[in-house]
Amino acid sequence: MKLRITEELWKEGNMYVSYCPEMDVASCGEDINQAKKNLLETILINIEDTKKMGTFEQFIDECGLEETNIDILSVRKELIGFTPIEVAVY
């Protein structure tokens, strides 16, 4: 089974943050690759823990994932774009 989820990458100071909004988990690293690798490890630990506790199906449902293809769970919504905007406040 595969999960198709979202990864957001941010730069905060000298660190890079990788965040998965569906699972509400984040990790960081000194470079982008390390942040991505650490997030994947965090996600896998969460999955292993929920399987051990018998709450994996509930966890997947709470993350908003559903089966879209055989052996692929995807989010119910699809990210189309992510663009910073400026709004003037008076």
C-alpha atoms as a PDB file:
ATOM      1  CA  MET A   1       0.000   0.000   0.000  1.00  0.00           C
ATOM      2  CA  LYS A   2       1.176   3.527  -0.765  1.00  0.00           C
ATOM      3  CA  LEU A   3       0.058   6.845   0.680  1.00  0.00           C
ATOM      4  CA  ARG A   4      -0.103   9.897  -1.571  1.00  0.00           C
ATOM      5  CA  ILE A   5       0.188  12.830   0.828  1.00  0.00           C
ATOM      6  CA  THR A   6       1.390  16.424   0.783  1.00  0.00           C
ATOM      7  CA  GLU A   7       4.817  17.658   1.808  1.00  0.00           C
ATOM      8  CA  GLU A   8       5.389  21.357   2.442  1.00  0.00           C
ATOM      9  CA  LEU A   9       8.942  22.668   2.679  1.00  0.00           C
ATOM     10  CA  TRP A  10       9.854  25.843   4.544  1.00  0.00           C
ATOM     11  CA  LYS A  11      13.064  27.649   5.343  1.00  0.00           C
ATOM     12  CA  GLU A  12      13.223  28.988   8.881  1.00  0.00           C
ATOM     13  CA  GLY A  13      16.488  30.721   9.665  1.00  0.00           C
ATOM     14  CA  ASN A  14      19.276  28.269   8.895  1.00  0.00           C
ATOM     15  CA  MET A  15      17.004  25.208   9.045  1.00  0.00           C
ATOM     16  CA  TYR A  16      14.587  23.601   6.599  1.00  0.00           C
ATOM     17  CA  VAL A  17      11.221  22.347   7.807  1.00  0.00           C
ATOM     18  CA  SER A  18       9.241  19.622   6.072  1.00  0.00           C
ATOM     19  CA  TYR A  19       5.557  19.354   7.040  1.00  0.00           C
ATOM     20  CA  CYS A  20       2.755  16.935   6.148  1.00  0.00           C
ATOM     21  CA  PRO A  21      -0.585  18.712   6.738  1.00  0.00           C
ATOM     22  CA  GLU A  22      -2.712  15.573   6.399  1.00  0.00           C
ATOM     23  CA  MET A  23      -0.887  13.869   9.270  1.00  0.00           C
ATOM     24  CA  ASP A  24      -0.018  17.123  11.063  1.00  0.00           C
ATOM     25  CA  VAL A  25       3.608  16.067  11.497  1.00  0.00           C
ATOM     26  CA  ALA A  26       6.784  17.988  10.811  1.00  0.00           C
ATOM     27  CA  SER A  27      10.504  17.484  10.904  1.00  0.00           C
ATOM     28  CA  CYS A  28      13.549  19.569  10.077  1.00  0.00           C
ATOM     29  CA  GLY A  29      17.087  19.355   8.782  1.00  0.00           C
ATOM     30  CA  GLU A  30      20.121  21.416   7.918  1.00  0.00           C
ATOM     31  CA  ASP A  31      19.315  21.011   4.216  1.00  0.00           C
ATOM     32  CA  ILE A  32      16.246  20.152   2.137  1.00  0.00           C
ATOM     33  CA  ASN A  33      17.161  16.486   1.663  1.00  0.00           C
ATOM     34  CA  GLN A  34      17.710  15.956   5.387  1.00  0.00           C
ATOM     35  CA  ALA A  35      14.382  17.635   6.202  1.00  0.00           C
ATOM     36  CA  LYS A  36      12.578  15.420   3.663  1.00  0.00           C
ATOM     37  CA  LYS A  37      14.314  12.268   4.954  1.00  0.00           C
ATOM     38  CA  ASN A  38      13.478  13.137   8.564  1.00  0.00           C
ATOM     39  CA  LEU A  39       9.811  13.748   7.691  1.00  0.00           C
ATOM     40  CA  LEU A  40       9.570  10.380   5.957  1.00  0.00           C
ATOM     41  CA  GLU A  41      11.034   8.717   9.055  1.00  0.00           C
ATOM     42  CA  THR A  42       8.533  10.549  11.276  1.00  0.00           C
ATOM     43  CA  ILE A  43       5.632   9.461   9.058  1.00  0.00           C
ATOM     44  CA  LEU A  44       6.774   5.832   9.082  1.00  0.00           C
ATOM     45  CA  ILE A  45       7.124   5.876  12.888  1.00  0.00           C
ATOM     46  CA  ASN A  46       3.564   7.235  13.203  1.00  0.00           C
ATOM     47  CA  ILE A  47       2.252   4.510  10.892  1.00  0.00           C
ATOM     48  CA  GLU A  48       4.099   1.762  12.792  1.00  0.00           C
ATOM     49  CA  ASP A  49       2.793   3.060  16.132  1.00  0.00           C
ATOM     50  CA  THR A  50      -0.827   3.197  14.962  1.00  0.00           C
ATOM     51  CA  LYS A  51      -0.559  -0.333  13.548  1.00  0.00           C
ATOM     52  CA  LYS A  52       0.830  -1.597  16.875  1.00  0.00           C
ATOM     53  CA  MET A  53      -2.028   0.105  18.763  1.00  0.00           C
ATOM     54  CA  GLY A  54      -4.648  -1.188  16.303  1.00  0.00           C
ATOM     55  CA  THR A  55      -5.715   2.332  15.320  1.00  0.00           C
ATOM     56  CA  PHE A  56      -4.238   2.488  11.810  1.00  0.00           C
ATOM     57  CA  GLU A  57      -7.598   2.566  10.000  1.00  0.00           C
ATOM     58  CA  GLN A  58      -8.861   5.330  12.302  1.00  0.00           C
ATOM     59  CA  PHE A  59      -5.604   7.255  11.789  1.00  0.00           C
ATOM     60  CA  ILE A  60      -5.922   7.011   7.988  1.00  0.00           C
ATOM     61  CA  ASP A  61      -9.539   8.198   8.151  1.00  0.00           C
ATOM     62  CA  GLU A  62      -8.633  11.143  10.415  1.00  0.00           C
ATOM     63  CA  CYS A  63      -5.871  12.105   7.959  1.00  0.00           C
ATOM     64  CA  GLY A  64      -8.530  12.391   5.248  1.00  0.00           C
ATOM     65  CA  LEU A  65      -7.141   9.579   3.100  1.00  0.00           C
ATOM     66  CA  GLU A  66      -9.219   7.291   0.926  1.00  0.00           C
ATOM     67  CA  GLU A  67      -8.480   4.589  -1.623  1.00  0.00           C
ATOM     68  CA  THR A  68      -8.227   6.124  -5.097  1.00  0.00           C
ATOM     69  CA  ASN A  69      -6.467   3.273  -6.905  1.00  0.00           C
ATOM     70  CA  ILE A  70      -5.646  -0.270  -5.896  1.00  0.00           C
ATOM     71  CA  ASP A  71      -3.122  -0.044  -3.043  1.00  0.00           C
ATOM     72  CA  ILE A  72      -2.933   3.783  -3.129  1.00  0.00           C
ATOM     73  CA  LEU A  73      -4.537   5.971  -0.477  1.00  0.00           C
ATOM     74  CA  SER A  74      -4.782   9.670  -1.381  1.00  0.00           C
ATOM     75  CA  VAL A  75      -6.121  12.798   0.221  1.00  0.00           C
ATOM     76  CA  ARG A  76      -9.701  13.688  -0.586  1.00  0.00           C
ATOM     77  CA  LYS A  77      -8.535  17.087  -1.790  1.00  0.00           C
ATOM     78  CA  GLU A  78      -5.785  17.833  -4.281  1.00  0.00           C
ATOM     79  CA  LEU A  79      -3.282  20.647  -3.793  1.00  0.00           C
ATOM     80  CA  ILE A  80      -3.387  22.830  -6.897  1.00  0.00           C
ATOM     81  CA  GLY A  81      -0.997  25.581  -5.942  1.00  0.00           C
ATOM     82  CA  PHE A  82       0.844  27.230  -3.126  1.00  0.00           C
ATOM     83  CA  THR A  83       1.735  30.871  -3.649  1.00  0.00           C
ATOM     84  CA  PRO A  84       2.667  33.560  -1.130  1.00  0.00           C
ATOM     85  CA  ILE A  85       0.513  36.670  -1.448  1.00  0.00           C
ATOM     86  CA  GLU A  86       0.726  40.166   0.034  1.00  0.00           C
ATOM     87  CA  VAL A  87      -2.294  41.871   1.548  1.00  0.00           C
ATOM     88  CA  ALA A  88      -2.225  45.531   2.541  1.00  0.00           C
ATOM     89  CA  VAL A  89      -3.620  46.135   6.017  1.00  0.00           C
ATOM     90  CA  TYR A  90      -4.474  49.674   7.091  1.00  0.00           C
END
